[in-house]
N, C-alpha and C. Protein backbone atom coordinates (compact mmCIF):
# COMPACT_ATOMS: atom_id res chain seq x y z
N MET A 1 73.37 44.72 209.46
CA MET A 1 75.09 44.15 209.23
C MET A 1 75.03 43.64 208.05
N ALA A 2 75.61 44.64 206.53
CA ALA A 2 75.54 44.11 205.61
C ALA A 2 77.40 43.35 205.36
N THR A 3 77.34 41.93 204.71
CA THR A 3 78.24 42.29 204.47
C THR A 3 78.49 41.60 203.23
N LYS A 4 80.29 42.12 202.75
CA LYS A 4 80.78 42.46 201.50
C LYS A 4 80.54 41.08 200.68
N LYS A 5 80.07 41.25 199.61
CA LYS A 5 80.36 39.85 198.39
C LYS A 5 81.47 39.92 197.67
N VAL A 6 82.20 38.33 197.53
CA VAL A 6 83.73 37.66 197.58
C VAL A 6 83.54 38.38 196.16
N VAL A 7 84.36 39.10 194.74
CA VAL A 7 84.18 38.69 194.00
C VAL A 7 85.71 38.14 193.65
N LYS A 8 85.43 37.25 192.99
CA LYS A 8 86.80 36.38 192.21
C LYS A 8 86.54 37.22 190.42
N ASN A 9 88.27 36.98 190.23
CA ASN A 9 88.39 38.09 189.04
C ASN A 9 88.92 36.51 188.34
N PRO A 10 87.78 36.04 187.31
CA PRO A 10 88.18 35.46 186.74
C PRO A 10 89.07 35.87 185.57
N ARG A 11 89.99 35.10 185.14
CA ARG A 11 91.60 34.35 184.28
C ARG A 11 90.89 34.43 182.83
N LEU A 12 89.91 33.90 182.57
CA LEU A 12 89.85 34.17 180.61
C LEU A 12 89.30 35.59 181.24
N ALA A 13 89.52 36.01 179.17
CA ALA A 13 89.44 37.37 178.92
C ALA A 13 87.17 37.40 178.89
N SER A 14 86.97 36.59 177.90
CA SER A 14 85.56 36.36 178.35
C SER A 14 84.94 36.12 179.54
N GLY A 15 85.98 35.39 180.11
CA GLY A 15 84.99 35.37 181.96
C GLY A 15 84.71 36.81 182.28
N ARG A 16 86.11 38.23 182.18
CA ARG A 16 86.53 39.16 182.59
C ARG A 16 85.17 40.08 182.17
N LYS A 17 84.71 39.72 181.01
CA LYS A 17 83.88 40.34 180.16
C LYS A 17 82.92 40.39 180.62
N ARG A 18 81.88 39.22 180.90
CA ARG A 18 80.99 38.90 181.12
C ARG A 18 80.65 38.87 182.37
N ALA A 19 81.32 39.39 183.24
CA ALA A 19 81.88 40.12 184.87
C ALA A 19 81.23 41.39 184.65
N ARG A 20 81.80 41.63 183.99
CA ARG A 20 81.36 43.34 183.18
C ARG A 20 80.21 43.51 183.30
N GLN A 21 79.91 42.82 181.76
CA GLN A 21 78.18 42.81 181.45
C GLN A 21 77.33 42.23 182.11
N ASN A 22 77.39 40.88 183.37
CA ASN A 22 77.04 41.26 184.49
C ASN A 22 76.11 42.58 185.73
N ILE A 23 77.41 43.32 185.75
CA ILE A 23 77.69 44.75 186.74
C ILE A 23 76.05 45.63 186.38
N LYS A 24 76.73 45.93 184.75
CA LYS A 24 76.03 46.68 183.63
C LYS A 24 74.19 45.88 183.67
N LEU A 25 73.92 44.89 183.60
CA LEU A 25 72.29 44.11 183.58
C LEU A 25 72.32 43.96 184.88
N ASN A 26 72.70 44.10 185.93
CA ASN A 26 71.87 44.07 187.10
C ASN A 26 71.59 45.22 187.28
N ALA A 27 72.36 45.88 187.16
CA ALA A 27 71.91 47.74 187.19
C ALA A 27 70.70 48.29 186.16
N ALA A 28 70.59 47.16 185.24
CA ALA A 28 69.41 47.51 184.36
C ALA A 28 68.38 47.12 184.85
N HIS A 29 68.36 45.87 184.97
CA HIS A 29 67.51 45.29 185.72
C HIS A 29 66.94 45.83 187.10
N THR A 30 67.55 46.60 187.93
CA THR A 30 66.77 46.11 189.13
C THR A 30 66.77 47.56 188.92
N SER A 31 67.03 48.59 188.05
CA SER A 31 65.94 50.43 187.57
C SER A 31 64.74 49.24 187.08
N LEU A 32 64.60 48.38 186.35
CA LEU A 32 63.82 47.95 185.49
C LEU A 32 62.65 47.09 186.53
N ARG A 33 62.55 46.36 187.56
CA ARG A 33 62.22 45.98 188.05
C ARG A 33 62.00 46.89 189.25
N SER A 34 62.67 48.06 189.93
CA SER A 34 62.09 49.26 190.91
C SER A 34 60.84 50.30 190.29
N LYS A 35 61.20 50.15 188.89
CA LYS A 35 60.11 50.86 188.33
C LYS A 35 58.78 50.00 188.35
N TYR A 36 58.96 49.17 187.13
CA TYR A 36 57.77 47.77 187.39
C TYR A 36 56.78 48.33 189.09
N ARG A 37 57.60 48.04 189.98
CA ARG A 37 56.89 47.82 191.71
C ARG A 37 56.27 49.14 191.80
N THR A 38 56.62 50.12 191.16
CA THR A 38 56.40 51.27 191.35
C THR A 38 54.96 51.81 190.72
N ALA A 39 55.58 51.21 189.58
CA ALA A 39 54.15 51.66 188.61
C ALA A 39 52.87 50.80 189.46
N VAL A 40 53.39 49.27 189.49
CA VAL A 40 52.16 48.46 190.50
C VAL A 40 51.32 49.36 191.80
N LYS A 41 52.87 49.71 192.47
CA LYS A 41 52.01 50.21 194.15
C LYS A 41 51.56 52.05 193.54
N ASN A 42 51.58 52.19 192.60
CA ASN A 42 50.71 53.96 192.50
C ASN A 42 49.32 52.66 192.28
N VAL A 43 49.37 52.14 191.45
CA VAL A 43 47.71 52.16 191.11
C VAL A 43 47.27 51.48 192.51
N GLU A 44 47.92 50.46 192.63
CA GLU A 44 47.10 50.23 194.43
C GLU A 44 46.73 51.32 195.83
N LYS A 45 47.56 52.34 195.23
CA LYS A 45 47.54 53.05 196.49
C LYS A 45 46.31 54.16 196.05
N ALA A 46 46.26 54.46 194.85
CA ALA A 46 45.35 55.24 193.79
C ALA A 46 43.56 54.51 194.24
N VAL A 47 44.24 53.42 194.15
CA VAL A 47 42.40 52.35 194.13
C VAL A 47 42.21 52.34 195.88
N VAL A 48 43.22 52.42 196.98
CA VAL A 48 42.97 52.66 198.32
C VAL A 48 42.02 54.12 198.68
N ALA A 49 42.39 55.14 198.05
CA ALA A 49 42.24 56.84 197.86
C ALA A 49 40.72 56.55 198.02
N GLY A 50 40.05 55.57 196.68
CA GLY A 50 39.27 55.73 196.52
C GLY A 50 38.79 57.03 193.99
N ASP A 51 40.36 57.25 194.24
CA ASP A 51 40.10 58.05 192.91
C ASP A 51 40.13 57.41 191.87
N LYS A 52 39.10 57.17 191.14
CA LYS A 52 38.82 56.36 189.89
C LYS A 52 39.06 56.83 188.82
N ASP A 53 39.39 58.59 189.07
CA ASP A 53 40.49 59.17 187.29
C ASP A 53 41.41 58.57 187.43
N LYS A 54 42.38 58.95 188.76
CA LYS A 54 43.54 57.92 188.81
C LYS A 54 44.02 57.44 188.77
N ALA A 55 42.86 56.67 189.36
CA ALA A 55 43.51 54.91 189.01
C ALA A 55 43.31 54.24 187.68
N SER A 56 42.03 54.67 187.15
CA SER A 56 42.81 54.54 185.59
C SER A 56 43.50 54.59 184.68
N ALA A 57 43.68 56.18 185.08
CA ALA A 57 45.16 56.70 184.50
C ALA A 57 45.93 56.07 184.34
N LEU A 58 46.45 55.94 185.76
CA LEU A 58 48.09 55.28 186.28
C LEU A 58 47.64 53.76 185.77
N PHE A 59 46.67 53.21 185.88
CA PHE A 59 46.95 51.64 185.33
C PHE A 59 47.47 51.90 183.56
N ALA A 60 46.77 52.54 182.80
CA ALA A 60 46.90 52.76 181.52
C ALA A 60 48.48 52.92 181.38
N LYS A 61 49.27 53.39 182.75
CA LYS A 61 50.74 53.98 182.73
C LYS A 61 51.07 52.13 182.58
N ALA A 62 50.37 51.63 183.40
CA ALA A 62 50.99 50.71 184.07
C ALA A 62 51.25 49.81 183.61
N GLN A 63 50.26 49.58 182.44
CA GLN A 63 50.15 48.33 181.94
C GLN A 63 51.15 48.45 180.70
N SER A 64 51.63 49.62 180.59
CA SER A 64 52.95 49.62 179.25
C SER A 64 54.03 49.35 180.11
N ILE A 65 54.12 49.80 181.27
CA ILE A 65 55.00 49.06 181.92
C ILE A 65 55.46 47.64 181.71
N ILE A 66 54.41 47.36 182.74
CA ILE A 66 54.43 45.89 182.67
C ILE A 66 54.47 45.10 181.75
N ASP A 67 54.10 45.51 180.76
CA ASP A 67 54.17 44.86 179.02
C ASP A 67 55.97 44.84 178.51
N SER A 68 56.22 45.78 178.83
CA SER A 68 57.79 46.31 178.40
C SER A 68 58.71 45.32 179.35
N VAL A 69 58.29 45.55 180.53
CA VAL A 69 59.74 44.94 181.31
C VAL A 69 59.66 42.86 181.78
N ALA A 70 58.07 42.68 181.16
CA ALA A 70 58.33 41.19 181.16
C ALA A 70 58.38 40.59 179.37
N ASP A 71 58.50 42.12 178.20
CA ASP A 71 59.14 41.34 177.39
C ASP A 71 60.86 41.45 177.01
N LYS A 72 61.54 42.17 177.89
CA LYS A 72 61.94 41.92 178.15
C LYS A 72 63.13 40.60 178.57
N GLY A 73 62.23 39.85 179.95
CA GLY A 73 62.10 38.67 180.78
C GLY A 73 62.57 39.21 181.42
N ILE A 74 62.36 40.29 182.29
CA ILE A 74 63.13 41.02 184.16
C ILE A 74 61.76 40.21 184.86
N PHE A 75 60.19 39.57 184.41
CA PHE A 75 59.61 39.16 184.40
C PHE A 75 59.25 38.20 184.39
N HIS A 76 58.40 36.74 184.88
CA HIS A 76 57.95 36.02 183.66
C HIS A 76 56.26 36.74 182.98
N LYS A 77 56.54 35.98 181.67
CA LYS A 77 54.66 37.23 181.14
C LYS A 77 53.51 36.40 182.06
N ASN A 78 53.92 35.13 182.26
CA ASN A 78 52.54 34.60 183.25
C ASN A 78 52.66 36.04 184.57
N LYS A 79 53.64 35.97 185.41
CA LYS A 79 53.69 37.16 186.25
C LYS A 79 52.78 38.41 185.74
N ALA A 80 53.25 38.70 184.78
CA ALA A 80 52.52 40.03 184.13
C ALA A 80 51.53 40.17 183.92
N ALA A 81 51.20 39.92 183.42
CA ALA A 81 49.69 38.95 182.91
C ALA A 81 48.58 38.45 184.45
N ARG A 82 49.52 38.43 185.28
CA ARG A 82 48.88 37.34 186.57
C ARG A 82 48.71 39.64 187.39
N ASP A 83 49.54 40.10 186.99
CA ASP A 83 49.72 41.32 187.97
C ASP A 83 49.15 42.11 187.77
N LYS A 84 48.88 42.54 185.91
CA LYS A 84 47.60 43.01 185.17
C LYS A 84 46.01 43.06 185.82
N SER A 85 46.07 41.42 185.86
CA SER A 85 44.48 40.71 185.68
C SER A 85 43.87 41.35 187.28
N ARG A 86 44.67 41.15 188.04
CA ARG A 86 44.44 41.90 189.33
C ARG A 86 44.07 43.37 189.86
N LEU A 87 45.07 43.81 188.88
CA LEU A 87 45.25 45.10 189.32
C LEU A 87 43.76 46.05 188.15
N SER A 88 43.26 45.07 187.37
CA SER A 88 42.48 45.63 186.76
C SER A 88 41.01 45.47 186.97
N SER A 89 40.81 44.13 188.00
CA SER A 89 40.07 43.85 188.88
C SER A 89 39.89 45.09 189.58
N LYS A 90 41.05 45.31 190.64
CA LYS A 90 41.02 46.35 191.51
C LYS A 90 40.15 47.70 190.98
N VAL A 91 40.36 48.01 189.73
CA VAL A 91 40.20 49.21 189.08
C VAL A 91 39.01 49.39 188.46
N LYS A 92 38.46 48.31 188.03
CA LYS A 92 36.65 47.66 187.70
C LYS A 92 35.78 47.98 188.88
N ALA A 93 36.71 47.13 190.20
CA ALA A 93 36.08 46.96 191.38
C ALA A 93 35.39 48.55 191.54
N LEU A 94 36.13 49.57 191.16
CA LEU A 94 36.43 50.73 192.04
C LEU A 94 35.50 51.36 190.79
N ALA A 95 35.09 51.15 189.70
CA ALA A 95 34.36 51.98 189.05
C ALA A 95 33.28 51.16 189.51
N THR A 96 32.74 50.38 189.56
CA THR A 96 31.35 49.86 189.99
C THR A 96 31.19 50.44 191.20
N ALA A 97 31.68 50.26 192.05
CA ALA A 97 31.26 50.58 193.81
C ALA A 97 31.22 52.58 193.33
N ALA A 98 31.24 52.96 192.52
CA ALA A 98 31.11 54.41 192.53
C ALA A 98 29.54 54.75 191.36
């Protein structure tokens, strides 16, 4: 059961503008968060499958996505660094195991 959020209409013009901006920013941030999580998930799937070449290629793509999302402030830079470090160690472990 999804409850609908009650939105109050701001009285001031600046408040109304801020409400409009928040809707647009929320949509943009949601899209970027999704892109980030998908990139991380794809690398992890390749690691689990044991595909070394695919994992390293996807990791290279994921790094740029992770950095760009962190630069925009969607996620904290330390979280981005932590995620890249964990993915890197998984990919390296896969390379040394083979």
